Amino acid sequence: PDLAIVSNVTGAVASAEELCEPGYWV
């Protein structure tokens, strides 16, 4: 992502690696 994203899974700012991992979305 171009902007920081707070994850609804962790409640914290997500890393680009995390958001690009298919398992995160599952």
PDB file of all heavy atoms in Angstrom:
ATOM      1  N   PRO A   1       0.831  -1.210   0.000  1.00  0.00           N
ATOM      2  CA  PRO A   1       0.000   0.000   0.000  1.00  0.00           C
ATOM      3  C   PRO A   1       0.866   1.261   0.000  1.00  0.00           C
ATOM      4  O   PRO A   1       2.002   1.256   0.472  1.00  0.00           O
ATOM      5  CB  PRO A   1      -0.789  -0.123   1.300  1.00  0.00           C
ATOM      6  CG  PRO A   1       0.046  -0.995   2.174  1.00  0.00           C
ATOM      7  CD  PRO A   1       0.783  -1.927   1.262  1.00  0.00           C
ATOM      8  N   ASP A   2       0.303   2.332  -0.544  1.00  0.00           N
ATOM      9  CA  ASP A   2       0.992   3.622  -0.536  1.00  0.00           C
ATOM     10  C   ASP A   2       0.836   4.342   0.803  1.00  0.00           C
ATOM     11  O   ASP A   2       1.646   5.192   1.155  1.00  0.00           O
ATOM     12  CB  ASP A   2       0.452   4.521  -1.654  1.00  0.00           C
ATOM     13  CG  ASP A   2       0.822   4.011  -3.040  1.00  0.00           C
ATOM     14  OD1 ASP A   2       1.874   3.342  -3.172  1.00  0.00           O
ATOM     15  OD2 ASP A   2       0.056   4.262  -3.987  1.00  0.00           O
ATOM     16  N   LEU A   3      -0.244   4.018   1.522  1.00  0.00           N
ATOM     17  CA  LEU A   3      -0.517   4.628   2.825  1.00  0.00           C
ATOM     18  C   LEU A   3      -0.485   3.551   3.901  1.00  0.00           C
ATOM     19  O   LEU A   3      -0.750   2.378   3.624  1.00  0.00           O
ATOM     20  CB  LEU A   3      -1.909   5.276   2.823  1.00  0.00           C
ATOM     21  CG  LEU A   3      -2.157   6.381   1.814  1.00  0.00           C
ATOM     22  CD1 LEU A   3      -3.623   6.771   1.808  1.00  0.00           C
ATOM     23  CD2 LEU A   3      -1.287   7.588   2.138  1.00  0.00           C
ATOM     24  N   ALA A   4      -0.197   3.956   5.102  1.00  0.00           N
ATOM     25  CA  ALA A   4      -0.236   3.015   6.220  1.00  0.00           C
ATOM     26  C   ALA A   4      -1.671   2.521   6.413  1.00  0.00           C
ATOM     27  O   ALA A   4      -2.624   3.283   6.261  1.00  0.00           O
ATOM     28  CB  ALA A   4       0.275   3.686   7.485  1.00  0.00           C
ATOM     29  N   ILE A   5      -1.792   1.258   6.748  1.00  0.00           N
ATOM     30  CA  ILE A   5      -3.098   0.643   6.982  1.00  0.00           C
ATOM     31  C   ILE A   5      -3.088   0.005   8.361  1.00  0.00           C
ATOM     32  O   ILE A   5      -2.173  -0.740   8.700  1.00  0.00           O
ATOM     33  CB  ILE A   5      -3.405  -0.420   5.903  1.00  0.00           C
ATOM     34  CG1 ILE A   5      -3.545   0.242   4.545  1.00  0.00           C
ATOM     35  CG2 ILE A   5      -4.662  -1.218   6.267  1.00  0.00           C
ATOM     36  CD1 ILE A   5      -3.776  -0.718   3.401  1.00  0.00           C
ATOM     37  N   VAL A   6      -4.118   0.300   9.134  1.00  0.00           N
ATOM     38  CA  VAL A   6      -4.278  -0.355  10.420  1.00  0.00           C
ATOM     39  C   VAL A   6      -5.097  -1.611  10.180  1.00  0.00           C
ATOM     40  O   VAL A   6      -6.179  -1.568   9.600  1.00  0.00           O
ATOM     41  CB  VAL A   6      -4.959   0.569  11.448  1.00  0.00           C
ATOM     42  CG1 VAL A   6      -5.305  -0.191  12.716  1.00  0.00           C
ATOM     43  CG2 VAL A   6      -4.054   1.745  11.774  1.00  0.00           C
ATOM     44  N   SER A   7      -4.571  -2.724  10.612  1.00  0.00           N
ATOM     45  CA  SER A   7      -5.202  -4.021  10.409  1.00  0.00           C
ATOM     46  C   SER A   7      -6.346  -4.244  11.382  1.00  0.00           C
ATOM     47  O   SER A   7      -6.188  -4.062  12.584  1.00  0.00           O
ATOM     48  CB  SER A   7      -4.159  -5.131  10.608  1.00  0.00           C
ATOM     49  OG  SER A   7      -4.781  -6.385  10.711  1.00  0.00           O
ATOM     50  N   ASN A   8      -7.485  -4.678  10.864  1.00  0.00           N
ATOM     51  CA  ASN A   8      -8.587  -5.084  11.732  1.00  0.00           C
ATOM     52  C   ASN A   8      -8.353  -6.461  12.323  1.00  0.00           C
ATOM     53  O   ASN A   8      -9.079  -6.888  13.205  1.00  0.00           O
ATOM     54  CB  ASN A   8      -9.913  -5.059  10.971  1.00  0.00           C
ATOM     55  CG  ASN A   8     -10.531  -3.693  10.930  1.00  0.00           C
ATOM     56  OD1 ASN A   8     -10.316  -2.885  11.824  1.00  0.00           O
ATOM     57  ND2 ASN A   8     -11.297  -3.426   9.908  1.00  0.00           N
ATOM     58  N   VAL A   9      -7.339  -7.173  11.831  1.00  0.00           N
ATOM     59  CA  VAL A   9      -7.011  -8.489  12.381  1.00  0.00           C
ATOM     60  C   VAL A   9      -6.145  -8.341  13.626  1.00  0.00           C
ATOM     61  O   VAL A   9      -6.340  -9.037  14.616  1.00  0.00           O
ATOM     62  CB  VAL A   9      -6.293  -9.372  11.330  1.00  0.00           C
ATOM     63  CG1 VAL A   9      -5.846 -10.692  11.934  1.00  0.00           C
ATOM     64  CG2 VAL A   9      -7.197  -9.619  10.132  1.00  0.00           C
ATOM     65  N   THR A  10      -5.195  -7.409  13.590  1.00  0.00           N
ATOM     66  CA  THR A  10      -4.265  -7.250  14.711  1.00  0.00           C
ATOM     67  C   THR A  10      -4.541  -6.010  15.554  1.00  0.00           C
ATOM     68  O   THR A  10      -4.095  -5.929  16.688  1.00  0.00           O
ATOM     69  CB  THR A  10      -2.815  -7.158  14.203  1.00  0.00           C
ATOM     70  OG1 THR A  10      -2.663  -5.947  13.444  1.00  0.00           O
ATOM     71  CG2 THR A  10      -2.444  -8.369  13.365  1.00  0.00           C
ATOM     72  N   GLY A  11      -5.219  -5.020  14.990  1.00  0.00           N
ATOM     73  CA  GLY A  11      -5.434  -3.764  15.694  1.00  0.00           C
ATOM     74  C   GLY A  11      -4.217  -2.864  15.687  1.00  0.00           C
ATOM     75  O   GLY A  11      -4.148  -1.901  16.427  1.00  0.00           O
ATOM     76  N   ALA A  12      -3.242  -3.182  14.841  1.00  0.00           N
ATOM     77  CA  ALA A  12      -2.005  -2.402  14.767  1.00  0.00           C
ATOM     78  C   ALA A  12      -1.711  -2.064  13.305  1.00  0.00           C
ATOM     79  O   ALA A  12      -2.329  -2.625  12.392  1.00  0.00           O
ATOM     80  CB  ALA A  12      -0.846  -3.216  15.351  1.00  0.00           C
ATOM     81  N   VAL A  13      -0.758  -1.157  13.091  1.00  0.00           N
ATOM     82  CA  VAL A  13      -0.353  -0.840  11.726  1.00  0.00           C
ATOM     83  C   VAL A  13       0.217  -2.107  11.098  1.00  0.00           C
ATOM     84  O   VAL A  13       1.065  -2.785  11.688  1.00  0.00           O
ATOM     85  CB  VAL A  13       0.687   0.300  11.703  1.00  0.00           C
ATOM     86  CG1 VAL A  13       1.186   0.552  10.288  1.00  0.00           C
ATOM     87  CG2 VAL A  13       0.080   1.576  12.276  1.00  0.00           C
ATOM     88  N   ALA A  14      -0.280  -2.440   9.923  1.00  0.00           N
ATOM     89  CA  ALA A  14       0.139  -3.663   9.231  1.00  0.00           C
ATOM     90  C   ALA A  14       1.349  -3.378   8.355  1.00  0.00           C
ATOM     91  O   ALA A  14       1.456  -2.304   7.757  1.00  0.00           O
ATOM     92  CB  ALA A  14      -1.002  -4.196   8.371  1.00  0.00           C
ATOM     93  N   SER A  15       2.223  -4.341   8.265  1.00  0.00           N
ATOM     94  CA  SER A  15       3.368  -4.213   7.362  1.00  0.00           C
ATOM     95  C   SER A  15       2.919  -4.543   5.942  1.00  0.00           C
ATOM     96  O   SER A  15       1.915  -5.241   5.729  1.00  0.00           O
ATOM     97  CB  SER A  15       4.483  -5.180   7.774  1.00  0.00           C
ATOM     98  OG  SER A  15       4.077  -6.525   7.528  1.00  0.00           O
ATOM     99  N   ALA A  16       3.658  -4.056   4.975  1.00  0.00           N
ATOM    100  CA  ALA A  16       3.361  -4.367   3.573  1.00  0.00           C
ATOM    101  C   ALA A  16       3.432  -5.871   3.346  1.00  0.00           C
ATOM    102  O   ALA A  16       2.602  -6.441   2.636  1.00  0.00           O
ATOM    103  CB  ALA A  16       4.331  -3.637   2.651  1.00  0.00           C
ATOM    104  N   GLU A  17       4.400  -6.515   3.983  1.00  0.00           N
ATOM    105  CA  GLU A  17       4.545  -7.967   3.830  1.00  0.00           C
ATOM    106  C   GLU A  17       3.301  -8.688   4.332  1.00  0.00           C
ATOM    107  O   GLU A  17       2.819  -9.633   3.701  1.00  0.00           O
ATOM    108  CB  GLU A  17       5.786  -8.476   4.579  1.00  0.00           C
ATOM    109  CG  GLU A  17       7.097  -7.985   4.013  1.00  0.00           C
ATOM    110  CD  GLU A  17       7.450  -6.545   4.426  1.00  0.00           C
ATOM    111  OE1 GLU A  17       6.895  -6.020   5.424  1.00  0.00           O
ATOM    112  OE2 GLU A  17       8.275  -5.937   3.732  1.00  0.00           O
ATOM    113  N   GLU A  18       2.786  -8.251   5.463  1.00  0.00           N
ATOM    114  CA  GLU A  18       1.588  -8.868   6.035  1.00  0.00           C
ATOM    115  C   GLU A  18       0.400  -8.724   5.090  1.00  0.00           C
ATOM    116  O   GLU A  18      -0.315  -9.690   4.821  1.00  0.00           O
ATOM    117  CB  GLU A  18       1.285  -8.206   7.380  1.00  0.00           C
ATOM    118  CG  GLU A  18       0.078  -8.766   8.096  1.00  0.00           C
ATOM    119  CD  GLU A  18      -0.140  -8.077   9.437  1.00  0.00           C
ATOM    120  OE1 GLU A  18       0.356  -6.953   9.664  1.00  0.00           O
ATOM    121  OE2 GLU A  18      -0.832  -8.679  10.262  1.00  0.00           O
ATOM    122  N   LEU A  19       0.195  -7.507   4.561  1.00  0.00           N
ATOM    123  CA  LEU A  19      -0.953  -7.246   3.692  1.00  0.00           C
ATOM    124  C   LEU A  19      -0.832  -7.931   2.335  1.00  0.00           C
ATOM    125  O   LEU A  19      -1.834  -8.143   1.658  1.00  0.00           O
ATOM    126  CB  LEU A  19      -1.133  -5.741   3.498  1.00  0.00           C
ATOM    127  CG  LEU A  19      -1.507  -4.972   4.770  1.00  0.00           C
ATOM    128  CD1 LEU A  19      -1.490  -3.480   4.501  1.00  0.00           C
ATOM    129  CD2 LEU A  19      -2.853  -5.417   5.304  1.00  0.00           C
ATOM    130  N   CYS A  20       0.366  -8.280   1.942  1.00  0.00           N
ATOM    131  CA  CYS A  20       0.586  -8.963   0.661  1.00  0.00           C
ATOM    132  C   CYS A  20       0.592 -10.476   0.804  1.00  0.00           C
ATOM    133  O   CYS A  20       0.791 -11.200  -0.173  1.00  0.00           O
ATOM    134  CB  CYS A  20       1.893  -8.484   0.023  1.00  0.00           C
ATOM    135  SG  CYS A  20       1.804  -6.762  -0.527  1.00  0.00           S
ATOM    136  N   GLU A  21       0.362 -10.967   1.979  1.00  0.00           N
ATOM    137  CA  GLU A  21       0.333 -12.397   2.259  1.00  0.00           C
ATOM    138  C   GLU A  21      -1.116 -12.906   2.157  1.00  0.00           C
ATOM    139  O   GLU A  21      -1.990 -12.430   2.891  1.00  0.00           O
ATOM    140  CB  GLU A  21       0.891 -12.648   3.661  1.00  0.00           C
ATOM    141  CG  GLU A  21       0.676 -14.021   4.205  1.00  0.00           C
ATOM    142  CD  GLU A  21       1.334 -15.096   3.373  1.00  0.00           C
ATOM    143  OE1 GLU A  21       2.451 -14.860   2.864  1.00  0.00           O
ATOM    144  OE2 GLU A  21       0.741 -16.175   3.213  1.00  0.00           O
ATOM    145  N   PRO A  22      -1.414 -13.836   1.247  1.00  0.00           N
ATOM    146  CA  PRO A  22      -2.790 -14.340   1.105  1.00  0.00           C
ATOM    147  C   PRO A  22      -3.393 -14.841   2.416  1.00  0.00           C
ATOM    148  O   PRO A  22      -4.581 -14.631   2.680  1.00  0.00           O
ATOM    149  CB  PRO A  22      -2.648 -15.470   0.093  1.00  0.00           C
ATOM    150  CG  PRO A  22      -1.453 -15.107  -0.712  1.00  0.00           C
ATOM    151  CD  PRO A  22      -0.517 -14.436   0.253  1.00  0.00           C
ATOM    152  N   GLY A  23      -2.587 -15.462   3.265  1.00  0.00           N
ATOM    153  CA  GLY A  23      -3.097 -15.982   4.529  1.00  0.00           C
ATOM    154  C   GLY A  23      -3.679 -14.906   5.426  1.00  0.00           C
ATOM    155  O   GLY A  23      -4.597 -15.167   6.221  1.00  0.00           O
ATOM    156  N   TYR A  24      -3.163 -13.681   5.311  1.00  0.00           N
ATOM    157  CA  TYR A  24      -3.700 -12.576   6.112  1.00  0.00           C
ATOM    158  C   TYR A  24      -5.183 -12.379   5.799  1.00  0.00           C
ATOM    159  O   TYR A  24      -6.006 -12.214   6.696  1.00  0.00           O
ATOM    160  CB  TYR A  24      -2.926 -11.281   5.832  1.00  0.00           C
ATOM    161  CG  TYR A  24      -3.601 -10.070   6.426  1.00  0.00           C
ATOM    162  CD1 TYR A  24      -3.425  -9.742   7.762  1.00  0.00           C
ATOM    163  CD2 TYR A  24      -4.437  -9.265   5.657  1.00  0.00           C
ATOM    164  CE1 TYR A  24      -4.053  -8.651   8.323  1.00  0.00           C
ATOM    165  CE2 TYR A  24      -5.072  -8.170   6.205  1.00  0.00           C
ATOM    166  CZ  TYR A  24      -4.882  -7.869   7.541  1.00  0.00           C
ATOM    167  OH  TYR A  24      -5.534  -6.791   8.086  1.00  0.00           O
ATOM    168  N   TRP A  25      -5.534 -12.407   4.514  1.00  0.00           N
ATOM    169  CA  TRP A  25      -6.905 -12.148   4.095  1.00  0.00           C
ATOM    170  C   TRP A  25      -7.826 -13.309   4.451  1.00  0.00           C
ATOM    171  O   TRP A  25      -9.007 -13.100   4.735  1.00  0.00           O
ATOM    172  CB  TRP A  25      -6.942 -11.802   2.608  1.00  0.00           C
ATOM    173  CG  TRP A  25      -6.136 -10.557   2.396  1.00  0.00           C
ATOM    174  CD1 TRP A  25      -4.871 -10.466   1.908  1.00  0.00           C
ATOM    175  CD2 TRP A  25      -6.517  -9.232   2.772  1.00  0.00           C
ATOM    176  NE1 TRP A  25      -4.432  -9.154   1.942  1.00  0.00           N
ATOM    177  CE2 TRP A  25      -5.436  -8.379   2.469  1.00  0.00           C
ATOM    178  CE3 TRP A  25      -7.656  -8.680   3.348  1.00  0.00           C
ATOM    179  CZ2 TRP A  25      -5.472  -7.008   2.714  1.00  0.00           C
ATOM    180  CZ3 TRP A  25      -7.691  -7.309   3.581  1.00  0.00           C
ATOM    181  CH2 TRP A  25      -6.611  -6.495   3.269  1.00  0.00           C
ATOM    182  N   VAL A  26      -7.293 -14.511   4.513  1.00  0.00           N
ATOM    183  CA  VAL A  26      -8.076 -15.659   4.969  1.00  0.00           C
ATOM    184  C   VAL A  26      -8.357 -15.494   6.465  1.00  0.00           C
ATOM    185  O   VAL A  26      -9.491 -15.689   6.921  1.00  0.00           O
ATOM    186  CB  VAL A  26      -7.338 -16.981   4.679  1.00  0.00           C
ATOM    187  CG1 VAL A  26      -8.095 -18.169   5.260  1.00  0.00           C
ATOM    188  CG2 VAL A  26      -7.138 -17.155   3.169  1.00  0.00           C
TER     189      VAL A  26
END
